[in-house]
Amino acid sequence: MGKERIHINLVIIGHVDSGKSTTTGHLVYKCGGIDHRTIEKYEKAATQMGKSSFKYAWVLDKLKAERERGRDLTKYKTPC
């Protein structure tokens, strides 16, 4: 039989600018969730923007604005 995958849930908690996204993105990369070519693409783009240390954080970013601002954007909607 094939190797069975084990699923785990992680919670990443930390202050603003403490490296949560960078750590999580690096973990995704090291566990094979993203290929080396993609990381190289992020590294090149981040270096051109003067944010070379953001390459792993960009693994999690979905919006261009998140990369430009260096912040994750989350929308909260308060029910009426």
PDB file of N, CA and C in Angstrom:
ATOM      1  N   MET A   1       0.830  -1.189   0.000  1.00  0.00           N
ATOM      2  CA  MET A   1       0.000   0.000   0.000  1.00  0.00           C
ATOM      3  C   MET A   1       0.868   1.243   0.000  1.00  0.00           C
ATOM      4  N   GLY A   2       0.262   2.344  -0.447  1.00  0.00           N
ATOM      5  CA  GLY A   2       0.967   3.616  -0.488  1.00  0.00           C
ATOM      6  C   GLY A   2       1.125   4.221   0.893  1.00  0.00           C
ATOM      7  N   LYS A   3       1.963   5.191   0.945  1.00  0.00           N
ATOM      8  CA  LYS A   3       2.202   5.888   2.204  1.00  0.00           C
ATOM      9  C   LYS A   3       0.995   6.758   2.548  1.00  0.00           C
ATOM     10  N   GLU A   4       0.469   6.583   3.734  1.00  0.00           N
ATOM     11  CA  GLU A   4      -0.696   7.352   4.172  1.00  0.00           C
ATOM     12  C   GLU A   4      -0.246   8.719   4.681  1.00  0.00           C
ATOM     13  N   ARG A   5      -0.958   9.750   4.261  1.00  0.00           N
ATOM     14  CA  ARG A   5      -0.625  11.106   4.711  1.00  0.00           C
ATOM     15  C   ARG A   5      -1.269  11.390   6.061  1.00  0.00           C
ATOM     16  N   ILE A   6      -0.532  12.065   6.886  1.00  0.00           N
ATOM     17  CA  ILE A   6      -1.045  12.488   8.182  1.00  0.00           C
ATOM     18  C   ILE A   6      -1.391  13.964   8.080  1.00  0.00           C
ATOM     19  N   HIS A   7      -2.586  14.310   8.497  1.00  0.00           N
ATOM     20  CA  HIS A   7      -3.012  15.708   8.465  1.00  0.00           C
ATOM     21  C   HIS A   7      -2.879  16.305   9.862  1.00  0.00           C
ATOM     22  N   ILE A   8      -2.338  17.496   9.904  1.00  0.00           N
ATOM     23  CA  ILE A   8      -2.249  18.218  11.171  1.00  0.00           C
ATOM     24  C   ILE A   8      -2.789  19.627  10.957  1.00  0.00           C
ATOM     25  N   ASN A   9      -3.284  20.205  12.002  1.00  0.00           N
ATOM     26  CA  ASN A   9      -3.739  21.592  11.975  1.00  0.00           C
ATOM     27  C   ASN A   9      -2.746  22.427  12.768  1.00  0.00           C
ATOM     28  N   LEU A  10      -2.382  23.572  12.214  1.00  0.00           N
ATOM     29  CA  LEU A  10      -1.449  24.477  12.880  1.00  0.00           C
ATOM     30  C   LEU A  10      -2.103  25.828  13.075  1.00  0.00           C
ATOM     31  N   VAL A  11      -1.749  26.471  14.145  1.00  0.00           N
ATOM     32  CA  VAL A  11      -2.164  27.845  14.388  1.00  0.00           C
ATOM     33  C   VAL A  11      -0.891  28.655  14.554  1.00  0.00           C
ATOM     34  N   ILE A  12      -0.785  29.729  13.792  1.00  0.00           N
ATOM     35  CA  ILE A  12       0.385  30.605  13.867  1.00  0.00           C
ATOM     36  C   ILE A  12      -0.073  31.910  14.508  1.00  0.00           C
ATOM     37  N   ILE A  13       0.524  32.235  15.631  1.00  0.00           N
ATOM     38  CA  ILE A  13       0.150  33.435  16.375  1.00  0.00           C
ATOM     39  C   ILE A  13       1.399  34.271  16.605  1.00  0.00           C
ATOM     40  N   GLY A  14       1.257  35.578  16.450  1.00  0.00           N
ATOM     41  CA  GLY A  14       2.384  36.455  16.714  1.00  0.00           C
ATOM     42  C   GLY A  14       2.014  37.905  16.497  1.00  0.00           C
ATOM     43  N   HIS A  15       2.856  38.777  16.954  1.00  0.00           N
ATOM     44  CA  HIS A  15       2.653  40.211  16.789  1.00  0.00           C
ATOM     45  C   HIS A  15       2.830  40.608  15.329  1.00  0.00           C
ATOM     46  N   VAL A  16       2.393  41.804  15.005  1.00  0.00           N
ATOM     47  CA  VAL A  16       2.574  42.356  13.666  1.00  0.00           C
ATOM     48  C   VAL A  16       4.069  42.372  13.340  1.00  0.00           C
ATOM     49  N   ASP A  17       4.411  41.990  12.120  1.00  0.00           N
ATOM     50  CA  ASP A  17       5.800  41.974  11.642  1.00  0.00           C
ATOM     51  C   ASP A  17       6.713  41.020  12.413  1.00  0.00           C
ATOM     52  N   SER A  18       6.138  39.967  12.985  1.00  0.00           N
ATOM     53  CA  SER A  18       6.979  39.004  13.701  1.00  0.00           C
ATOM     54  C   SER A  18       7.427  37.842  12.819  1.00  0.00           C
ATOM     55  N   GLY A  19       6.946  37.793  11.561  1.00  0.00           N
ATOM     56  CA  GLY A  19       7.385  36.762  10.630  1.00  0.00           C
ATOM     57  C   GLY A  19       6.441  35.584  10.481  1.00  0.00           C
ATOM     58  N   LYS A  20       5.176  35.762  10.826  1.00  0.00           N
ATOM     59  CA  LYS A  20       4.210  34.663  10.719  1.00  0.00           C
ATOM     60  C   LYS A  20       4.055  34.172   9.284  1.00  0.00           C
ATOM     61  N   SER A  21       3.840  35.081   8.355  1.00  0.00           N
ATOM     62  CA  SER A  21       3.653  34.695   6.951  1.00  0.00           C
ATOM     63  C   SER A  21       4.938  34.130   6.361  1.00  0.00           C
ATOM     64  N   THR A  22       6.066  34.716   6.689  1.00  0.00           N
ATOM     65  CA  THR A  22       7.346  34.224   6.186  1.00  0.00           C
ATOM     66  C   THR A  22       7.613  32.810   6.695  1.00  0.00           C
ATOM     67  N   THR A  23       7.399  32.581   7.970  1.00  0.00           N
ATOM     68  CA  THR A  23       7.605  31.253   8.551  1.00  0.00           C
ATOM     69  C   THR A  23       6.663  30.227   7.934  1.00  0.00           C
ATOM     70  N   THR A  24       5.396  30.600   7.789  1.00  0.00           N
ATOM     71  CA  THR A  24       4.407  29.685   7.218  1.00  0.00           C
ATOM     72  C   THR A  24       4.715  29.383   5.757  1.00  0.00           C
ATOM     73  N   GLY A  25       5.070  30.407   4.982  1.00  0.00           N
ATOM     74  CA  GLY A  25       5.430  30.201   3.586  1.00  0.00           C
ATOM     75  C   GLY A  25       6.651  29.314   3.426  1.00  0.00           C
ATOM     76  N   HIS A  26       7.633  29.501   4.303  1.00  0.00           N
ATOM     77  CA  HIS A  26       8.842  28.670   4.269  1.00  0.00           C
ATOM     78  C   HIS A  26       8.494  27.220   4.601  1.00  0.00           C
ATOM     79  N   LEU A  27       7.614  27.029   5.563  1.00  0.00           N
ATOM     80  CA  LEU A  27       7.173  25.684   5.931  1.00  0.00           C
ATOM     81  C   LEU A  27       6.455  25.004   4.757  1.00  0.00           C
ATOM     82  N   VAL A  28       5.583  25.745   4.080  1.00  0.00           N
ATOM     83  CA  VAL A  28       4.882  25.209   2.903  1.00  0.00           C
ATOM     84  C   VAL A  28       5.902  24.785   1.844  1.00  0.00           C
ATOM     85  N   TYR A  29       6.898  25.621   1.611  1.00  0.00           N
ATOM     86  CA  TYR A  29       7.945  25.305   0.627  1.00  0.00           C
ATOM     87  C   TYR A  29       8.734  24.056   1.036  1.00  0.00           C
ATOM     88  N   LYS A  30       9.196  24.010   2.280  1.00  0.00           N
ATOM     89  CA  LYS A  30      10.012  22.885   2.753  1.00  0.00           C
ATOM     90  C   LYS A  30       9.238  21.567   2.750  1.00  0.00           C
ATOM     91  N   CYS A  31       7.923  21.639   2.916  1.00  0.00           N
ATOM     92  CA  CYS A  31       7.092  20.426   2.912  1.00  0.00           C
ATOM     93  C   CYS A  31       6.644  20.034   1.508  1.00  0.00           C
ATOM     94  N   GLY A  32       7.111  20.756   0.494  1.00  0.00           N
ATOM     95  CA  GLY A  32       6.804  20.398  -0.886  1.00  0.00           C
ATOM     96  C   GLY A  32       5.507  20.967  -1.420  1.00  0.00           C
ATOM     97  N   GLY A  33       4.943  21.938  -0.721  1.00  0.00           N
ATOM     98  CA  GLY A  33       3.686  22.531  -1.159  1.00  0.00           C
ATOM     99  C   GLY A  33       3.836  23.518  -2.297  1.00  0.00           C
ATOM    100  N   ILE A  34       5.062  23.915  -2.585  1.00  0.00           N
ATOM    101  CA  ILE A  34       5.341  24.848  -3.679  1.00  0.00           C
ATOM    102  C   ILE A  34       6.723  24.516  -4.230  1.00  0.00           C
ATOM    103  N   ASP A  35       6.893  24.642  -5.524  1.00  0.00           N
ATOM    104  CA  ASP A  35       8.156  24.224  -6.133  1.00  0.00           C
ATOM    105  C   ASP A  35       9.229  25.316  -6.091  1.00  0.00           C
ATOM    106  N   HIS A  36      10.469  24.883  -6.328  1.00  0.00           N
ATOM    107  CA  HIS A  36      11.627  25.786  -6.252  1.00  0.00           C
ATOM    108  C   HIS A  36      11.542  26.896  -7.299  1.00  0.00           C
ATOM    109  N   ARG A  37      11.031  26.589  -8.464  1.00  0.00           N
ATOM    110  CA  ARG A  37      10.924  27.592  -9.531  1.00  0.00           C
ATOM    111  C   ARG A  37      10.022  28.760  -9.100  1.00  0.00           C
ATOM    112  N   THR A  38       8.942  28.439  -8.416  1.00  0.00           N
ATOM    113  CA  THR A  38       8.030  29.488  -7.952  1.00  0.00           C
ATOM    114  C   THR A  38       8.706  30.364  -6.905  1.00  0.00           C
ATOM    115  N   ILE A  39       9.440  29.750  -5.994  1.00  0.00           N
ATOM    116  CA  ILE A  39      10.175  30.521  -4.978  1.00  0.00           C
ATOM    117  C   ILE A  39      11.192  31.430  -5.654  1.00  0.00           C
ATOM    118  N   GLU A  40      11.875  30.939  -6.673  1.00  0.00           N
ATOM    119  CA  GLU A  40      12.838  31.774  -7.405  1.00  0.00           C
ATOM    120  C   GLU A  40      12.137  32.963  -8.059  1.00  0.00           C
ATOM    121  N   LYS A  41      10.945  32.744  -8.595  1.00  0.00           N
ATOM    122  CA  LYS A  41      10.169  33.824  -9.209  1.00  0.00           C
ATOM    123  C   LYS A  41       9.804  34.877  -8.159  1.00  0.00           C
ATOM    124  N   TYR A  42       9.345  34.415  -6.991  1.00  0.00           N
ATOM    125  CA  TYR A  42       9.009  35.345  -5.908  1.00  0.00           C
ATOM    126  C   TYR A  42      10.245  36.099  -5.427  1.00  0.00           C
ATOM    127  N   GLU A  43      11.366  35.394  -5.330  1.00  0.00           N
ATOM    128  CA  GLU A  43      12.606  36.026  -4.870  1.00  0.00           C
ATOM    129  C   GLU A  43      13.044  37.131  -5.829  1.00  0.00           C
ATOM    130  N   LYS A  44      12.979  36.868  -7.115  1.00  0.00           N
ATOM    131  CA  LYS A  44      13.364  37.864  -8.111  1.00  0.00           C
ATOM    132  C   LYS A  44      12.456  39.090  -8.036  1.00  0.00           C
ATOM    133  N   ALA A  45      11.149  38.853  -7.978  1.00  0.00           N
ATOM    134  CA  ALA A  45      10.191  39.968  -7.915  1.00  0.00           C
ATOM    135  C   ALA A  45      10.353  40.756  -6.618  1.00  0.00           C
ATOM    136  N   ALA A  46      10.550  40.055  -5.503  1.00  0.00           N
ATOM    137  CA  ALA A  46      10.712  40.728  -4.215  1.00  0.00           C
ATOM    138  C   ALA A  46      11.981  41.574  -4.195  1.00  0.00           C
ATOM    139  N   THR A  47      13.053  41.062  -4.763  1.00  0.00           N
ATOM    140  CA  THR A  47      14.310  41.806  -4.825  1.00  0.00           C
ATOM    141  C   THR A  47      14.149  43.068  -5.654  1.00  0.00           C
ATOM    142  N   GLN A  48      13.431  42.972  -6.762  1.00  0.00           N
ATOM    143  CA  GLN A  48      13.191  44.142  -7.610  1.00  0.00           C
ATOM    144  C   GLN A  48      12.388  45.213  -6.878  1.00  0.00           C
ATOM    145  N   MET A  49      11.535  44.788  -5.937  1.00  0.00           N
ATOM    146  CA  MET A  49      10.737  45.740  -5.157  1.00  0.00           C
ATOM    147  C   MET A  49      11.465  46.199  -3.893  1.00  0.00           C
ATOM    148  N   GLY A  50      12.674  45.685  -3.676  1.00  0.00           N
ATOM    149  CA  GLY A  50      13.427  46.044  -2.479  1.00  0.00           C
ATOM    150  C   GLY A  50      12.938  45.329  -1.230  1.00  0.00           C
ATOM    151  N   LYS A  51      12.281  44.175  -1.408  1.00  0.00           N
ATOM    152  CA  LYS A  51      11.725  43.417  -0.284  1.00  0.00           C
ATOM    153  C   LYS A  51      12.155  41.952  -0.373  1.00  0.00           C
ATOM    154  N   SER A  52      13.435  41.717  -0.527  1.00  0.00           N
ATOM    155  CA  SER A  52      13.924  40.357  -0.780  1.00  0.00           C
ATOM    156  C   SER A  52      13.560  39.361   0.316  1.00  0.00           C
ATOM    157  N   SER A  53      13.399  39.814   1.538  1.00  0.00           N
ATOM    158  CA  SER A  53      13.069  38.898   2.631  1.00  0.00           C
ATOM    159  C   SER A  53      11.611  38.439   2.598  1.00  0.00           C
ATOM    160  N   PHE A  54      10.814  38.986   1.681  1.00  0.00           N
ATOM    161  CA  PHE A  54       9.390  38.661   1.621  1.00  0.00           C
ATOM    162  C   PHE A  54       9.077  37.450   0.741  1.00  0.00           C
ATOM    163  N   LYS A  55      10.068  36.835   0.124  1.00  0.00           N
ATOM    164  CA  LYS A  55       9.805  35.777  -0.867  1.00  0.00           C
ATOM    165  C   LYS A  55       8.944  34.641  -0.317  1.00  0.00           C
ATOM    166  N   TYR A  56       9.153  34.226   0.914  1.00  0.00           N
ATOM    167  CA  TYR A  56       8.343  33.140   1.475  1.00  0.00           C
ATOM    168  C   TYR A  56       6.958  33.627   1.893  1.00  0.00           C
ATOM    169  N   ALA A  57       6.864  34.846   2.370  1.00  0.00           N
ATOM    170  CA  ALA A  57       5.556  35.396   2.744  1.00  0.00           C
ATOM    171  C   ALA A  57       4.648  35.474   1.528  1.00  0.00           C
ATOM    172  N   TRP A  58       5.218  35.708   0.358  1.00  0.00           N
ATOM    173  CA  TRP A  58       4.427  35.836  -0.869  1.00  0.00           C
ATOM    174  C   TRP A  58       3.778  34.529  -1.288  1.00  0.00           C
ATOM    175  N   VAL A  59       4.220  33.416  -0.732  1.00  0.00           N
ATOM    176  CA  VAL A  59       3.569  32.131  -1.005  1.00  0.00           C
ATOM    177  C   VAL A  59       2.101  32.206  -0.584  1.00  0.00           C
ATOM    178  N   LEU A  60       1.817  32.953   0.472  1.00  0.00           N
ATOM    179  CA  LEU A  60       0.462  33.040   1.019  1.00  0.00           C
ATOM    180  C   LEU A  60      -0.355  34.184   0.442  1.00  0.00           C
ATOM    181  N   ASP A  61       0.297  35.164  -0.149  1.00  0.00           N
ATOM    182  CA  ASP A  61      -0.418  36.341  -0.657  1.00  0.00           C
ATOM    183  C   ASP A  61      -1.227  36.009  -1.900  1.00  0.00           C
ATOM    184  N   LYS A  62      -2.460  36.460  -1.918  1.00  0.00           N
ATOM    185  CA  LYS A  62      -3.337  36.249  -3.067  1.00  0.00           C
ATOM    186  C   LYS A  62      -3.537  37.527  -3.876  1.00  0.00           C
ATOM    187  N   LEU A  63      -3.339  38.669  -3.246  1.00  0.00           N
ATOM    188  CA  LEU A  63      -3.594  39.950  -3.895  1.00  0.00           C
ATOM    189  C   LEU A  63      -2.302  40.728  -4.128  1.00  0.00           C
ATOM    190  N   LYS A  64      -2.242  41.443  -5.231  1.00  0.00           N
ATOM    191  CA  LYS A  64      -1.085  42.286  -5.539  1.00  0.00           C
ATOM    192  C   LYS A  64      -0.888  43.333  -4.444  1.00  0.00           C
ATOM    193  N   ALA A  65      -1.993  43.860  -3.923  1.00  0.00           N
ATOM    194  CA  ALA A  65      -1.924  44.882  -2.875  1.00  0.00           C
ATOM    195  C   ALA A  65      -1.234  44.351  -1.623  1.00  0.00           C
ATOM    196  N   GLU A  66      -1.396  43.070  -1.329  1.00  0.00           N
ATOM    197  CA  GLU A  66      -0.733  42.486  -0.163  1.00  0.00           C
ATOM    198  C   GLU A  66       0.784  42.529  -0.337  1.00  0.00           C
ATOM    199  N   ARG A  67       1.242  42.264  -1.529  1.00  0.00           N
ATOM    200  CA  ARG A  67       2.687  42.294  -1.793  1.00  0.00           C
ATOM    201  C   ARG A  67       3.219  43.712  -1.762  1.00  0.00           C
ATOM    202  N   GLU A  68       2.462  44.637  -2.315  1.00  0.00           N
ATOM    203  CA  GLU A  68       2.907  46.031  -2.348  1.00  0.00           C
ATOM    204  C   GLU A  68       2.969  46.627  -0.950  1.00  0.00           C
ATOM    205  N   ARG A  69       1.992  46.315  -0.118  1.00  0.00           N
ATOM    206  CA  ARG A  69       1.935  46.874   1.238  1.00  0.00           C
ATOM    207  C   ARG A  69       2.765  46.093   2.245  1.00  0.00           C
ATOM    208  N   GLY A  70       3.028  44.831   1.928  1.00  0.00           N
ATOM    209  CA  GLY A  70       3.751  43.993   2.882  1.00  0.00           C
ATOM    210  C   GLY A  70       2.884  43.563   4.042  1.00  0.00           C
ATOM    211  N   ARG A  71       1.577  43.545   3.829  1.00  0.00           N
ATOM    212  CA  ARG A  71       0.614  43.171   4.867  1.00  0.00           C
ATOM    213  C   ARG A  71      -0.431  42.242   4.268  1.00  0.00           C
ATOM    214  N   ASP A  72      -0.893  41.286   5.057  1.00  0.00           N
ATOM    215  CA  ASP A  72      -2.024  40.464   4.640  1.00  0.00           C
ATOM    216  C   ASP A  72      -3.283  41.304   4.779  1.00  0.00           C
ATOM    217  N   LEU A  73      -4.157  41.195   3.815  1.00  0.00           N
ATOM    218  CA  LEU A  73      -5.409  41.942   3.850  1.00  0.00           C
ATOM    219  C   LEU A  73      -6.548  40.981   4.146  1.00  0.00           C
ATOM    220  N   THR A  74      -7.295  41.290   5.179  1.00  0.00           N
ATOM    221  CA  THR A  74      -8.433  40.468   5.566  1.00  0.00           C
ATOM    222  C   THR A  74      -9.649  41.362   5.681  1.00  0.00           C
ATOM    223  N   LYS A  75     -10.737  40.906   5.140  1.00  0.00           N
ATOM    224  CA  LYS A  75     -11.975  41.683   5.186  1.00  0.00           C
ATOM    225  C   LYS A  75     -12.869  41.115   6.276  1.00  0.00           C
ATOM    226  N   TYR A  76     -13.278  41.966   7.181  1.00  0.00           N
ATOM    227  CA  TYR A  76     -14.198  41.572   8.236  1.00  0.00           C
ATOM    228  C   TYR A  76     -15.541  42.242   7.982  1.00  0.00           C
ATOM    229  N   LYS A  77     -16.595  41.486   8.069  1.00  0.00           N
ATOM    230  CA  LYS A  77     -17.930  42.038   7.879  1.00  0.00           C
ATOM    231  C   LYS A  77     -18.721  41.803   9.155  1.00  0.00           C
ATOM    232  N   THR A  78     -19.179  42.886   9.747  1.00  0.00           N
ATOM    233  CA  THR A  78     -19.963  42.790  10.966  1.00  0.00           C
ATOM    234  C   THR A  78     -21.430  42.605  10.601  1.00  0.00           C
ATOM    235  N   PRO A  79     -22.065  41.539  11.113  1.00  0.00           N
ATOM    236  CA  PRO A  79     -23.481  41.341  10.795  1.00  0.00           C
ATOM    237  C   PRO A  79     -24.339  42.437  11.419  1.00  0.00           C
ATOM    238  N   CYS A  80     -25.382  42.828  10.707  1.00  0.00           N
ATOM    239  CA  CYS A  80     -26.285  43.883  11.201  1.00  0.00           C
ATOM    240  C   CYS A  80     -27.315  43.325  12.140  1.00  0.00           C
TER     241      CYS A  80
END
